[in-house]
């Protein structure tokens, strides 16, 4: 046998992109998903709402869009900016905010449900003191959750913030 001087040449192949019908149909989706994500419609950054009334600072941090069956997280911060103590301070979450969620978990723990409000005690707060409450929950239905978070000391409502969440399917 005689060895070849050169290997055989490759066959001629028509080089071009070829898409199947299903791939052509899904091609716009490939470009649409990053655009929708960049606009913040697939979740997005967390939002912080703040109010300062009667010497009490109330801040609520949450994601305005959650996905169905995912775990959500809401953080409430209360600051006593008055010159005196706040006695029997408590953070309250409206029922409308929690009506379509499963297994809400409060830290510090939930003390009671008082009518339309879920009550979490914060104790006595000295001037300049800060307390935080976290709420972890799992959404069970797509749609809008609208409610409020408020702070009370004794019988007086000191500050209240509306909260609007959208649960995406």
Protein backbone atom coordinates (compact mmCIF):
# COMPACT_ATOMS: atom_id res chain seq x y z
CA UNK A 1 0.00 0.00 0.00
CA UNK A 2 1.06 3.46 -0.79
CA UNK A 3 0.56 6.35 1.67
CA UNK A 4 -1.27 9.41 0.39
CA UNK A 5 0.61 12.63 0.11
CA UNK A 6 -2.44 14.65 1.19
CA UNK A 7 -5.65 13.77 2.99
CA UNK A 8 -8.80 13.74 0.86
CA UNK A 9 -10.63 17.09 0.52
CA UNK A 10 -13.82 17.59 2.54
CA UNK A 11 -17.22 17.52 0.83
CA UNK A 12 -18.81 20.80 -0.18
CA UNK A 13 -21.35 22.01 2.43
CA UNK A 14 -23.71 24.93 1.91
CA UNK A 15 -23.05 26.97 5.07
CA UNK A 16 -26.03 29.04 6.24
CA UNK A 17 -28.37 29.30 9.22
CA UNK A 18 -31.27 26.94 9.10
CA UNK A 19 -34.20 27.23 11.46
CA UNK A 20 -37.09 24.87 11.85
CA UNK A 21 -40.64 26.23 12.02
CA UNK A 22 -40.80 25.97 15.85
CA UNK A 23 -37.52 27.84 16.17
CA UNK A 24 -38.81 30.70 14.02
CA UNK A 25 -41.90 30.95 16.22
CA UNK A 26 -39.83 31.14 19.41
CA UNK A 27 -37.23 33.57 18.04
CA UNK A 28 -39.21 36.72 19.06
CA UNK A 29 -39.57 35.32 22.58
CA UNK A 30 -35.81 35.04 22.79
CA UNK A 31 -35.56 38.81 22.32
CA UNK A 32 -38.67 39.73 24.32
CA UNK A 33 -37.68 38.11 27.62
CA UNK A 34 -34.53 40.25 28.21
CA UNK A 35 -36.45 43.40 27.28
CA UNK A 36 -39.30 42.61 29.68
CA UNK A 37 -36.79 41.75 32.41
CA UNK A 38 -34.92 45.03 31.85
CA UNK A 39 -38.19 46.92 32.30
CA UNK A 40 -38.64 45.22 35.68
CA UNK A 41 -41.77 43.30 34.76
CA UNK A 42 -40.42 39.88 35.82
CA UNK A 43 -39.89 40.68 39.45
CA UNK A 44 -37.39 43.40 39.96
CA UNK A 45 -35.76 45.37 42.70
CA UNK A 46 -37.09 45.86 46.17
CA UNK A 47 -38.99 49.02 47.01
CA UNK A 48 -38.76 51.05 50.21
CA UNK A 49 -41.61 53.25 51.44
CA UNK A 50 -41.02 55.58 54.38
CA UNK A 51 -43.06 57.98 56.49
CA UNK A 52 -42.28 60.08 59.54
CA UNK A 53 -45.35 61.13 61.57
CA UNK A 54 -45.69 62.27 65.15
CA UNK A 55 -42.00 61.59 65.77
CA UNK A 56 -42.21 57.96 64.65
CA UNK A 57 -40.39 56.74 61.56
CA UNK A 58 -41.97 53.83 59.71
CA UNK A 59 -40.27 52.15 56.75
CA UNK A 60 -41.53 49.16 54.76
CA UNK A 61 -39.23 47.33 52.34
CA UNK A 62 -40.73 44.81 49.90
CA UNK A 63 -40.68 43.57 46.32
CA UNK A 64 -43.67 45.12 44.52
CA UNK A 65 -43.93 42.08 42.22
CA UNK A 66 -43.77 38.52 43.45
CA UNK A 67 -44.29 35.24 41.64
CA UNK A 68 -47.01 32.75 42.52
CA UNK A 69 -45.87 30.03 44.93
CA UNK A 70 -42.57 31.85 45.63
CA UNK A 71 -41.53 33.00 49.07
CA UNK A 72 -41.85 36.74 49.65
CA UNK A 73 -40.16 38.88 52.25
CA UNK A 74 -41.38 42.13 53.81
CA UNK A 75 -39.33 44.11 56.33
CA UNK A 76 -40.75 46.83 58.60
CA UNK A 77 -38.52 49.22 60.55
CA UNK A 78 -39.86 51.46 63.33
CA UNK A 79 -37.78 54.30 64.81
CA UNK A 80 -38.77 56.34 67.89
CA UNK A 81 -37.66 59.91 67.09
CA UNK A 82 -39.65 61.47 69.95
CA UNK A 83 -38.11 62.76 73.16
CA UNK A 84 -40.12 60.29 75.26
CA UNK A 85 -40.61 56.54 75.28
CA UNK A 86 -43.28 54.74 73.28
CA UNK A 87 -45.10 52.37 75.60
CA UNK A 88 -46.56 49.10 74.33
CA UNK A 89 -45.52 49.79 70.73
CA UNK A 90 -46.77 47.34 68.13
CA UNK A 91 -46.57 46.85 64.38
CA UNK A 92 -49.83 45.88 62.69
CA UNK A 93 -50.40 44.32 59.27
CA UNK A 94 -53.81 44.59 57.61
CA UNK A 95 -55.72 41.44 56.69
CA UNK A 96 -55.91 42.55 53.03
CA UNK A 97 -52.15 42.23 52.78
CA UNK A 98 -52.21 38.62 54.02
CA UNK A 99 -55.47 37.22 52.66
CA UNK A 100 -53.88 35.39 49.69
CA UNK A 101 -50.72 34.12 51.36
CA UNK A 102 -49.91 30.85 53.05
CA UNK A 103 -47.80 30.28 56.12
CA UNK A 104 -47.01 33.88 57.11
CA UNK A 105 -44.08 33.88 59.50
CA UNK A 106 -43.40 36.94 61.65
CA UNK A 107 -40.21 37.73 63.51
CA UNK A 108 -40.73 38.73 66.33
CA UNK A 109 -43.67 36.34 66.56
CA UNK A 110 -47.28 37.31 65.95
CA UNK A 111 -49.13 37.98 69.21
CA UNK A 112 -52.73 37.96 67.97
CA UNK A 113 -55.16 38.81 65.22
CA UNK A 114 -57.27 41.77 66.30
CA UNK A 115 -60.18 42.25 63.89
CA UNK A 116 -58.60 43.16 60.55
CA UNK A 117 -55.06 43.52 61.90
CA UNK A 118 -52.24 41.05 62.59
CA UNK A 119 -50.48 42.42 65.68
CA UNK A 120 -46.74 42.04 66.42
CA UNK A 121 -45.62 43.56 69.76
CA UNK A 122 -42.48 45.69 69.77
CA UNK A 123 -42.44 46.42 73.52
CA UNK A 124 -41.50 49.75 75.06
CA UNK A 125 -39.24 51.84 72.84
CA UNK A 126 -36.86 54.38 74.39
CA UNK A 127 -36.12 57.62 72.52
CA UNK A 128 -33.93 56.87 69.50
CA UNK A 129 -34.68 53.12 69.63
CA UNK A 130 -35.23 51.10 66.47
CA UNK A 131 -37.21 47.88 66.09
CA UNK A 132 -37.62 45.68 63.03
CA UNK A 133 -40.24 43.14 62.03
CA UNK A 134 -39.81 40.68 59.18
CA UNK A 135 -42.63 38.85 57.45
CA UNK A 136 -41.96 35.84 55.26
CA UNK A 137 -44.88 34.47 53.25
CA UNK A 138 -45.76 32.27 50.30
CA UNK A 139 -48.28 33.63 47.80
CA UNK A 140 -51.16 31.33 46.91
CA UNK A 141 -53.13 33.30 44.31
CA UNK A 142 -52.19 35.58 41.44
CA UNK A 143 -53.47 39.14 41.58
CA UNK A 144 -53.09 42.22 43.72
CA UNK A 145 -52.54 42.31 47.47
CA UNK A 146 -53.45 45.67 48.92
CA UNK A 147 -53.20 46.55 52.56
CA UNK A 148 -51.33 48.65 55.07
CA UNK A 149 -48.75 48.49 57.82
CA UNK A 150 -49.17 50.72 60.84
CA UNK A 151 -47.53 51.46 64.17
CA UNK A 152 -49.45 51.94 67.39
CA UNK A 153 -48.34 52.85 70.88
CA UNK A 154 -50.97 52.00 73.45
CA UNK A 155 -54.28 53.00 71.86
CA UNK A 156 -52.87 55.69 69.54
CA UNK A 157 -52.19 54.97 65.85
CA UNK A 158 -48.95 56.84 65.09
CA UNK A 159 -48.08 56.08 61.45
CA UNK A 160 -49.52 54.04 58.60
CA UNK A 161 -48.22 53.13 55.15
CA UNK A 162 -50.18 51.55 52.30
CA UNK A 163 -48.58 48.51 50.65
CA UNK A 164 -49.46 47.21 47.17
CA UNK A 165 -48.06 43.92 45.91
CA UNK A 166 -48.68 42.19 42.59
CA UNK A 167 -48.46 38.42 42.45
CA UNK A 168 -47.59 37.25 38.95
CA UNK A 169 -48.64 33.80 37.74
